[in-house]
Amino acid sequence: ALAASAVTNLTVPANPIRYRMENLAVVSDSKENMT
């Protein structure tokens, strides 16, 4: 019963997100920036 409960209660961990768009230095799509 304990083993069955453990297997049943296993959950997939949440999607870990640390970085968001506001953490990025987004620049224009110029050729220089792309290079």
PDB file of all heavy atoms in Angstrom:
ATOM      1  N   ALA A   1       0.834  -1.206   0.000  1.00  0.00           N
ATOM      2  CA  ALA A   1       0.000   0.000   0.000  1.00  0.00           C
ATOM      3  C   ALA A   1       0.864   1.249   0.000  1.00  0.00           C
ATOM      4  O   ALA A   1       0.565   2.231  -0.688  1.00  0.00           O
ATOM      5  CB  ALA A   1      -0.933  -0.006   1.203  1.00  0.00           C
ATOM      6  N   LEU A   2       1.937   1.224   0.771  1.00  0.00           N
ATOM      7  CA  LEU A   2       2.854   2.369   0.831  1.00  0.00           C
ATOM      8  C   LEU A   2       3.518   2.585  -0.527  1.00  0.00           C
ATOM      9  O   LEU A   2       3.616   3.712  -1.005  1.00  0.00           O
ATOM     10  CB  LEU A   2       3.911   2.156   1.919  1.00  0.00           C
ATOM     11  CG  LEU A   2       4.908   3.272   2.133  1.00  0.00           C
ATOM     12  CD1 LEU A   2       4.185   4.552   2.552  1.00  0.00           C
ATOM     13  CD2 LEU A   2       5.913   2.879   3.201  1.00  0.00           C
ATOM     14  N   ALA A   3       3.957   1.510  -1.150  1.00  0.00           N
ATOM     15  CA  ALA A   3       4.603   1.613  -2.465  1.00  0.00           C
ATOM     16  C   ALA A   3       3.614   2.141  -3.504  1.00  0.00           C
ATOM     17  O   ALA A   3       3.948   3.012  -4.304  1.00  0.00           O
ATOM     18  CB  ALA A   3       5.152   0.263  -2.894  1.00  0.00           C
ATOM     19  N   ALA A   4       2.388   1.624  -3.471  1.00  0.00           N
ATOM     20  CA  ALA A   4       1.375   2.087  -4.424  1.00  0.00           C
ATOM     21  C   ALA A   4       1.068   3.565  -4.204  1.00  0.00           C
ATOM     22  O   ALA A   4       0.919   4.328  -5.159  1.00  0.00           O
ATOM     23  CB  ALA A   4       0.104   1.254  -4.284  1.00  0.00           C
ATOM     24  N   SER A   5       0.993   3.978  -2.952  1.00  0.00           N
ATOM     25  CA  SER A   5       0.735   5.384  -2.632  1.00  0.00           C
ATOM     26  C   SER A   5       1.871   6.271  -3.124  1.00  0.00           C
ATOM     27  O   SER A   5       1.636   7.351  -3.661  1.00  0.00           O
ATOM     28  CB  SER A   5       0.550   5.555  -1.126  1.00  0.00           C
ATOM     29  OG  SER A   5       0.437   6.911  -0.800  1.00  0.00           O
ATOM     30  N   ALA A   6       3.101   5.827  -2.927  1.00  0.00           N
ATOM     31  CA  ALA A   6       4.263   6.616  -3.358  1.00  0.00           C
ATOM     32  C   ALA A   6       4.250   6.805  -4.870  1.00  0.00           C
ATOM     33  O   ALA A   6       4.481   7.900  -5.373  1.00  0.00           O
ATOM     34  CB  ALA A   6       5.558   5.944  -2.914  1.00  0.00           C
ATOM     35  N   VAL A   7       3.955   5.739  -5.595  1.00  0.00           N
ATOM     36  CA  VAL A   7       3.918   5.820  -7.058  1.00  0.00           C
ATOM     37  C   VAL A   7       2.781   6.726  -7.508  1.00  0.00           C
ATOM     38  O   VAL A   7       2.943   7.559  -8.399  1.00  0.00           O
ATOM     39  CB  VAL A   7       3.778   4.408  -7.683  1.00  0.00           C
ATOM     40  CG1 VAL A   7       3.469   4.495  -9.164  1.00  0.00           C
ATOM     41  CG2 VAL A   7       5.046   3.605  -7.451  1.00  0.00           C
ATOM     42  N   THR A   8       1.628   6.602  -6.875  1.00  0.00           N
ATOM     43  CA  THR A   8       0.470   7.428  -7.219  1.00  0.00           C
ATOM     44  C   THR A   8       0.727   8.897  -6.955  1.00  0.00           C
ATOM     45  O   THR A   8       0.292   9.760  -7.704  1.00  0.00           O
ATOM     46  CB  THR A   8      -0.768   6.971  -6.416  1.00  0.00           C
ATOM     47  OG1 THR A   8      -1.008   5.606  -6.708  1.00  0.00           O
ATOM     48  CG2 THR A   8      -1.991   7.796  -6.780  1.00  0.00           C
ATOM     49  N   ASN A   9       1.447   9.181  -5.885  1.00  0.00           N
ATOM     50  CA  ASN A   9       1.659  10.571  -5.476  1.00  0.00           C
ATOM     51  C   ASN A   9       2.877  11.226  -6.111  1.00  0.00           C
ATOM     52  O   ASN A   9       3.162  12.384  -5.816  1.00  0.00           O
ATOM     53  CB  ASN A   9       1.743  10.672  -3.959  1.00  0.00           C
ATOM     54  CG  ASN A   9       0.411  10.360  -3.316  1.00  0.00           C
ATOM     55  OD1 ASN A   9      -0.626  10.779  -3.810  1.00  0.00           O
ATOM     56  ND2 ASN A   9       0.431   9.604  -2.240  1.00  0.00           N
ATOM     57  N   LEU A  10       3.587  10.495  -6.943  1.00  0.00           N
ATOM     58  CA  LEU A  10       4.704  11.116  -7.648  1.00  0.00           C
ATOM     59  C   LEU A  10       4.155  12.169  -8.593  1.00  0.00           C
ATOM     60  O   LEU A  10       3.206  11.924  -9.329  1.00  0.00           O
ATOM     61  CB  LEU A  10       5.473  10.083  -8.484  1.00  0.00           C
ATOM     62  CG  LEU A  10       6.469   9.212  -7.748  1.00  0.00           C
ATOM     63  CD1 LEU A  10       7.095   8.222  -8.727  1.00  0.00           C
ATOM     64  CD2 LEU A  10       7.539  10.012  -7.068  1.00  0.00           C
ATOM     65  N   THR A  11       4.727  13.309  -8.546  1.00  0.00           N
ATOM     66  CA  THR A  11       4.280  14.375  -9.436  1.00  0.00           C
ATOM     67  C   THR A  11       5.442  14.840 -10.285  1.00  0.00           C
ATOM     68  O   THR A  11       6.586  14.795  -9.856  1.00  0.00           O
ATOM     69  CB  THR A  11       3.738  15.574  -8.635  1.00  0.00           C
ATOM     70  OG1 THR A  11       4.768  16.046  -7.768  1.00  0.00           O
ATOM     71  CG2 THR A  11       2.517  15.198  -7.836  1.00  0.00           C
ATOM     72  N   VAL A  12       5.116  15.272 -11.473  1.00  0.00           N
ATOM     73  CA  VAL A  12       6.131  15.843 -12.339  1.00  0.00           C
ATOM     74  C   VAL A  12       6.429  17.237 -11.805  1.00  0.00           C
ATOM     75  O   VAL A  12       5.515  18.019 -11.568  1.00  0.00           O
ATOM     76  CB  VAL A  12       5.639  15.914 -13.800  1.00  0.00           C
ATOM     77  CG1 VAL A  12       6.659  16.601 -14.679  1.00  0.00           C
ATOM     78  CG2 VAL A  12       5.330  14.528 -14.301  1.00  0.00           C
ATOM     79  N   PRO A  13       7.683  17.556 -11.563  1.00  0.00           N
ATOM     80  CA  PRO A  13       8.008  18.876 -11.038  1.00  0.00           C
ATOM     81  C   PRO A  13       7.539  19.982 -11.977  1.00  0.00           C
ATOM     82  O   PRO A  13       7.450  19.801 -13.181  1.00  0.00           O
ATOM     83  CB  PRO A  13       9.539  18.866 -10.958  1.00  0.00           C
ATOM     84  CG  PRO A  13       9.922  17.428 -11.022  1.00  0.00           C
ATOM     85  CD  PRO A  13       8.844  16.723 -11.774  1.00  0.00           C
ATOM     86  N   ALA A  14       7.234  21.100 -11.386  1.00  0.00           N
ATOM     87  CA  ALA A  14       6.805  22.256 -12.182  1.00  0.00           C
ATOM     88  C   ALA A  14       7.928  22.683 -13.115  1.00  0.00           C
ATOM     89  O   ALA A  14       9.094  22.415 -12.865  1.00  0.00           O
ATOM     90  CB  ALA A  14       6.431  23.398 -11.247  1.00  0.00           C
ATOM     91  N   ASN A  15       7.545  23.358 -14.164  1.00  0.00           N
ATOM     92  CA  ASN A  15       8.509  23.871 -15.122  1.00  0.00           C
ATOM     93  C   ASN A  15       9.325  24.989 -14.463  1.00  0.00           C
ATOM     94  O   ASN A  15       8.780  26.044 -14.174  1.00  0.00           O
ATOM     95  CB  ASN A  15       7.764  24.400 -16.345  1.00  0.00           C
ATOM     96  CG  ASN A  15       8.697  24.879 -17.415  1.00  0.00           C
ATOM     97  OD1 ASN A  15       9.865  24.504 -17.463  1.00  0.00           O
ATOM     98  ND2 ASN A  15       8.203  25.728 -18.288  1.00  0.00           N
ATOM     99  N   PRO A  16      10.592  24.738 -14.188  1.00  0.00           N
ATOM    100  CA  PRO A  16      11.379  25.769 -13.511  1.00  0.00           C
ATOM    101  C   PRO A  16      11.740  26.914 -14.472  1.00  0.00           C
ATOM    102  O   PRO A  16      12.374  26.687 -15.489  1.00  0.00           O
ATOM    103  CB  PRO A  16      12.629  25.026 -13.057  1.00  0.00           C
ATOM    104  CG  PRO A  16      12.760  23.888 -13.998  1.00  0.00           C
ATOM    105  CD  PRO A  16      11.367  23.546 -14.455  1.00  0.00           C
ATOM    106  N   ILE A  17      11.286  28.076 -14.148  1.00  0.00           N
ATOM    107  CA  ILE A  17      11.607  29.251 -14.952  1.00  0.00           C
ATOM    108  C   ILE A  17      12.264  30.266 -14.036  1.00  0.00           C
ATOM    109  O   ILE A  17      11.689  30.677 -13.041  1.00  0.00           O
ATOM    110  CB  ILE A  17      10.344  29.853 -15.606  1.00  0.00           C
ATOM    111  CG1 ILE A  17       9.791  28.859 -16.620  1.00  0.00           C
ATOM    112  CG2 ILE A  17      10.655  31.193 -16.253  1.00  0.00           C
ATOM    113  CD1 ILE A  17       8.526  29.302 -17.297  1.00  0.00           C
ATOM    114  N   ARG A  18      13.462  30.618 -14.364  1.00  0.00           N
ATOM    115  CA  ARG A  18      14.187  31.615 -13.587  1.00  0.00           C
ATOM    116  C   ARG A  18      14.259  32.934 -14.350  1.00  0.00           C
ATOM    117  O   ARG A  18      14.257  34.003 -13.773  1.00  0.00           O
ATOM    118  CB  ARG A  18      15.590  31.121 -13.282  1.00  0.00           C
ATOM    119  CG  ARG A  18      16.396  32.134 -12.522  1.00  0.00           C
ATOM    120  CD  ARG A  18      17.727  31.614 -12.114  1.00  0.00           C
ATOM    121  NE  ARG A  18      18.433  32.640 -11.366  1.00  0.00           N
ATOM    122  CZ  ARG A  18      19.628  32.494 -10.898  1.00  0.00           C
ATOM    123  NH1 ARG A  18      20.262  31.359 -11.058  1.00  0.00           N
ATOM    124  NH2 ARG A  18      20.215  33.457 -10.244  1.00  0.00           N
ATOM    125  N   TYR A  19      14.368  32.823 -15.652  1.00  0.00           N
ATOM    126  CA  TYR A  19      14.586  33.995 -16.490  1.00  0.00           C
ATOM    127  C   TYR A  19      13.303  34.371 -17.214  1.00  0.00           C
ATOM    128  O   TYR A  19      12.570  33.517 -17.686  1.00  0.00           O
ATOM    129  CB  TYR A  19      15.714  33.720 -17.495  1.00  0.00           C
ATOM    130  CG  TYR A  19      17.013  33.364 -16.815  1.00  0.00           C
ATOM    131  CD1 TYR A  19      17.359  32.040 -16.580  1.00  0.00           C
ATOM    132  CD2 TYR A  19      17.880  34.354 -16.384  1.00  0.00           C
ATOM    133  CE1 TYR A  19      18.548  31.710 -15.937  1.00  0.00           C
ATOM    134  CE2 TYR A  19      19.076  34.032 -15.741  1.00  0.00           C
ATOM    135  CZ  TYR A  19      19.395  32.711 -15.523  1.00  0.00           C
ATOM    136  OH  TYR A  19      20.565  32.388 -14.882  1.00  0.00           O
ATOM    137  N   ARG A  20      13.072  35.647 -17.297  1.00  0.00           N
ATOM    138  CA  ARG A  20      11.908  36.194 -17.987  1.00  0.00           C
ATOM    139  C   ARG A  20      12.398  37.206 -19.024  1.00  0.00           C
ATOM    140  O   ARG A  20      13.550  37.633 -18.989  1.00  0.00           O
ATOM    141  CB  ARG A  20      10.962  36.854 -16.995  1.00  0.00           C
ATOM    142  CG  ARG A  20      10.553  35.896 -15.885  1.00  0.00           C
ATOM    143  CD  ARG A  20       9.210  36.228 -15.312  1.00  0.00           C
ATOM    144  NE  ARG A  20       8.824  35.309 -14.253  1.00  0.00           N
ATOM    145  CZ  ARG A  20       8.328  34.093 -14.413  1.00  0.00           C
ATOM    146  NH1 ARG A  20       8.158  33.617 -15.611  1.00  0.00           N
ATOM    147  NH2 ARG A  20       7.998  33.331 -13.394  1.00  0.00           N
ATOM    148  N   MET A  21      11.529  37.583 -19.913  1.00  0.00           N
ATOM    149  CA  MET A  21      11.906  38.500 -20.980  1.00  0.00           C
ATOM    150  C   MET A  21      12.519  39.789 -20.414  1.00  0.00           C
ATOM    151  O   MET A  21      13.476  40.326 -20.972  1.00  0.00           O
ATOM    152  CB  MET A  21      10.690  38.807 -21.857  1.00  0.00           C
ATOM    153  CG  MET A  21      11.037  39.478 -23.158  1.00  0.00           C
ATOM    154  SD  MET A  21      12.153  38.538 -24.234  1.00  0.00           S
ATOM    155  CE  MET A  21      11.076  37.263 -24.853  1.00  0.00           C
ATOM    156  N   GLU A  22      11.990  40.267 -19.294  1.00  0.00           N
ATOM    157  CA  GLU A  22      12.525  41.509 -18.715  1.00  0.00           C
ATOM    158  C   GLU A  22      13.949  41.359 -18.187  1.00  0.00           C
ATOM    159  O   GLU A  22      14.623  42.349 -17.920  1.00  0.00           O
ATOM    160  CB  GLU A  22      11.589  42.069 -17.629  1.00  0.00           C
ATOM    161  CG  GLU A  22      11.264  41.128 -16.512  1.00  0.00           C
ATOM    162  CD  GLU A  22       9.981  40.315 -16.749  1.00  0.00           C
ATOM    163  OE1 GLU A  22       9.466  40.264 -17.875  1.00  0.00           O
ATOM    164  OE2 GLU A  22       9.509  39.714 -15.776  1.00  0.00           O
ATOM    165  N   ASN A  23      14.439  40.109 -18.053  1.00  0.00           N
ATOM    166  CA  ASN A  23      15.822  39.884 -17.629  1.00  0.00           C
ATOM    167  C   ASN A  23      16.807  39.977 -18.786  1.00  0.00           C
ATOM    168  O   ASN A  23      18.017  39.998 -18.569  1.00  0.00           O
ATOM    169  CB  ASN A  23      15.977  38.502 -16.982  1.00  0.00           C
ATOM    170  CG  ASN A  23      15.099  38.300 -15.784  1.00  0.00           C
ATOM    171  OD1 ASN A  23      14.293  37.376 -15.759  1.00  0.00           O
ATOM    172  ND2 ASN A  23      15.211  39.155 -14.788  1.00  0.00           N
ATOM    173  N   LEU A  24      16.278  40.010 -20.013  1.00  0.00           N
ATOM    174  CA  LEU A  24      17.147  40.002 -21.190  1.00  0.00           C
ATOM    175  C   LEU A  24      17.434  41.413 -21.681  1.00  0.00           C
ATOM    176  O   LEU A  24      16.616  42.316 -21.521  1.00  0.00           O
ATOM    177  CB  LEU A  24      16.494  39.212 -22.325  1.00  0.00           C
ATOM    178  CG  LEU A  24      16.163  37.749 -22.061  1.00  0.00           C
ATOM    179  CD1 LEU A  24      15.562  37.125 -23.311  1.00  0.00           C
ATOM    180  CD2 LEU A  24      17.369  36.974 -21.588  1.00  0.00           C
ATOM    181  N   ALA A  25      18.592  41.555 -22.291  1.00  0.00           N
ATOM    182  CA  ALA A  25      18.947  42.807 -22.968  1.00  0.00           C
ATOM    183  C   ALA A  25      18.571  42.628 -24.438  1.00  0.00           C
ATOM    184  O   ALA A  25      19.360  42.134 -25.242  1.00  0.00           O
ATOM    185  CB  ALA A  25      20.437  43.087 -22.818  1.00  0.00           C
ATOM    186  N   VAL A  26      17.333  42.977 -24.771  1.00  0.00           N
ATOM    187  CA  VAL A  26      16.836  42.821 -26.138  1.00  0.00           C
ATOM    188  C   VAL A  26      17.210  44.063 -26.936  1.00  0.00           C
ATOM    189  O   VAL A  26      16.996  45.184 -26.492  1.00  0.00           O
ATOM    190  CB  VAL A  26      15.317  42.601 -26.157  1.00  0.00           C
ATOM    191  CG1 VAL A  26      14.803  42.448 -27.580  1.00  0.00           C
ATOM    192  CG2 VAL A  26      14.941  41.373 -25.317  1.00  0.00           C
ATOM    193  N   VAL A  27      17.812  43.821 -28.104  1.00  0.00           N
ATOM    194  CA  VAL A  27      18.266  44.907 -28.974  1.00  0.00           C
ATOM    195  C   VAL A  27      17.577  44.790 -30.328  1.00  0.00           C
ATOM    196  O   VAL A  27      16.913  43.793 -30.624  1.00  0.00           O
ATOM    197  CB  VAL A  27      19.809  44.887 -29.142  1.00  0.00           C
ATOM    198  CG1 VAL A  27      20.500  45.142 -27.801  1.00  0.00           C
ATOM    199  CG2 VAL A  27      20.287  43.568 -29.736  1.00  0.00           C
ATOM    200  N   SER A  28      17.759  45.791 -31.160  1.00  0.00           N
ATOM    201  CA  SER A  28      17.135  45.788 -32.487  1.00  0.00           C
ATOM    202  C   SER A  28      17.716  44.673 -33.354  1.00  0.00           C
ATOM    203  O   SER A  28      18.775  44.115 -33.060  1.00  0.00           O
ATOM    204  CB  SER A  28      17.338  47.140 -33.172  1.00  0.00           C
ATOM    205  OG  SER A  28      18.699  47.325 -33.479  1.00  0.00           O
ATOM    206  N   ASP A  29      17.038  44.378 -34.430  1.00  0.00           N
ATOM    207  CA  ASP A  29      17.439  43.298 -35.336  1.00  0.00           C
ATOM    208  C   ASP A  29      18.415  43.762 -36.413  1.00  0.00           C
ATOM    209  O   ASP A  29      18.394  43.237 -37.526  1.00  0.00           O
ATOM    210  CB  ASP A  29      16.199  42.689 -35.994  1.00  0.00           C
ATOM    211  CG  ASP A  29      15.315  41.969 -35.002  1.00  0.00           C
ATOM    212  OD1 ASP A  29      15.846  41.316 -34.099  1.00  0.00           O
ATOM    213  OD2 ASP A  29      14.075  42.062 -35.137  1.00  0.00           O
ATOM    214  N   SER A  30      19.271  44.682 -36.092  1.00  0.00           N
ATOM    215  CA  SER A  30      20.227  45.175 -37.089  1.00  0.00           C
ATOM    216  C   SER A  30      21.249  44.087 -37.422  1.00  0.00           C
ATOM    217  O   SER A  30      21.467  43.147 -36.651  1.00  0.00           O
ATOM    218  CB  SER A  30      20.953  46.414 -36.560  1.00  0.00           C
ATOM    219  OG  SER A  30      21.841  46.052 -35.525  1.00  0.00           O
ATOM    220  N   LYS A  31      21.864  44.231 -38.550  1.00  0.00           N
ATOM    221  CA  LYS A  31      22.879  43.268 -38.990  1.00  0.00           C
ATOM    222  C   LYS A  31      24.039  43.223 -37.986  1.00  0.00           C
ATOM    223  O   LYS A  31      24.572  42.151 -37.686  1.00  0.00           O
ATOM    224  CB  LYS A  31      23.387  43.646 -40.383  1.00  0.00           C
ATOM    225  CG  LYS A  31      24.357  42.640 -40.950  1.00  0.00           C
ATOM    226  CD  LYS A  31      24.703  42.927 -42.392  1.00  0.00           C
ATOM    227  CE  LYS A  31      25.708  41.882 -42.844  1.00  0.00           C
ATOM    228  NZ  LYS A  31      25.701  41.654 -44.261  1.00  0.00           N
ATOM    229  N   GLU A  32      24.419  44.379 -37.460  1.00  0.00           N
ATOM    230  CA  GLU A  32      25.522  44.450 -36.488  1.00  0.00           C
ATOM    231  C   GLU A  32      25.172  43.678 -35.215  1.00  0.00           C
ATOM    232  O   GLU A  32      25.998  42.927 -34.690  1.00  0.00           O
ATOM    233  CB  GLU A  32      25.857  45.910 -36.140  1.00  0.00           C
ATOM    234  CG  GLU A  32      26.378  46.736 -37.292  1.00  0.00           C
ATOM    235  CD  GLU A  32      25.267  47.233 -38.237  1.00  0.00           C
ATOM    236  OE1 GLU A  32      24.084  47.339 -37.819  1.00  0.00           O
ATOM    237  OE2 GLU A  32      25.587  47.507 -39.405  1.00  0.00           O
ATOM    238  N   ASN A  33      23.942  43.875 -34.715  1.00  0.00           N
ATOM    239  CA  ASN A  33      23.526  43.179 -33.500  1.00  0.00           C
ATOM    240  C   ASN A  33      23.439  41.674 -33.720  1.00  0.00           C
ATOM    241  O   ASN A  33      23.787  40.879 -32.846  1.00  0.00           O
ATOM    242  CB  ASN A  33      22.185  43.721 -33.001  1.00  0.00           C
ATOM    243  CG  ASN A  33      22.317  45.083 -32.374  1.00  0.00           C
ATOM    244  OD1 ASN A  33      23.391  45.487 -31.928  1.00  0.00           O
ATOM    245  ND2 ASN A  33      21.217  45.818 -32.338  1.00  0.00           N
ATOM    246  N   MET A  34      22.977  41.286 -34.889  1.00  0.00           N
ATOM    247  CA  MET A  34      22.887  39.868 -35.242  1.00  0.00           C
ATOM    248  C   MET A  34      24.284  39.245 -35.289  1.00  0.00           C
ATOM    249  O   MET A  34      24.516  38.168 -34.737  1.00  0.00           O
ATOM    250  CB  MET A  34      22.188  39.721 -36.591  1.00  0.00           C
ATOM    251  CG  MET A  34      21.884  38.313 -36.995  1.00  0.00           C
ATOM    252  SD  MET A  34      20.936  38.368 -38.558  1.00  0.00           S
ATOM    253  CE  MET A  34      21.083  36.710 -39.095  1.00  0.00           C
ATOM    254  N   THR A  35      25.226  39.936 -35.910  1.00  0.00           N
ATOM    255  CA  THR A  35      26.606  39.442 -36.006  1.00  0.00           C
ATOM    256  C   THR A  35      27.238  39.326 -34.625  1.00  0.00           C
ATOM    257  O   THR A  35      27.872  38.315 -34.307  1.00  0.00           O
ATOM    258  CB  THR A  35      27.451  40.371 -36.909  1.00  0.00           C
ATOM    259  OG1 THR A  35      26.844  40.415 -38.201  1.00  0.00           O
ATOM    260  CG2 THR A  35      28.878  39.893 -37.026  1.00  0.00           C
TER     261      THR A  35
END
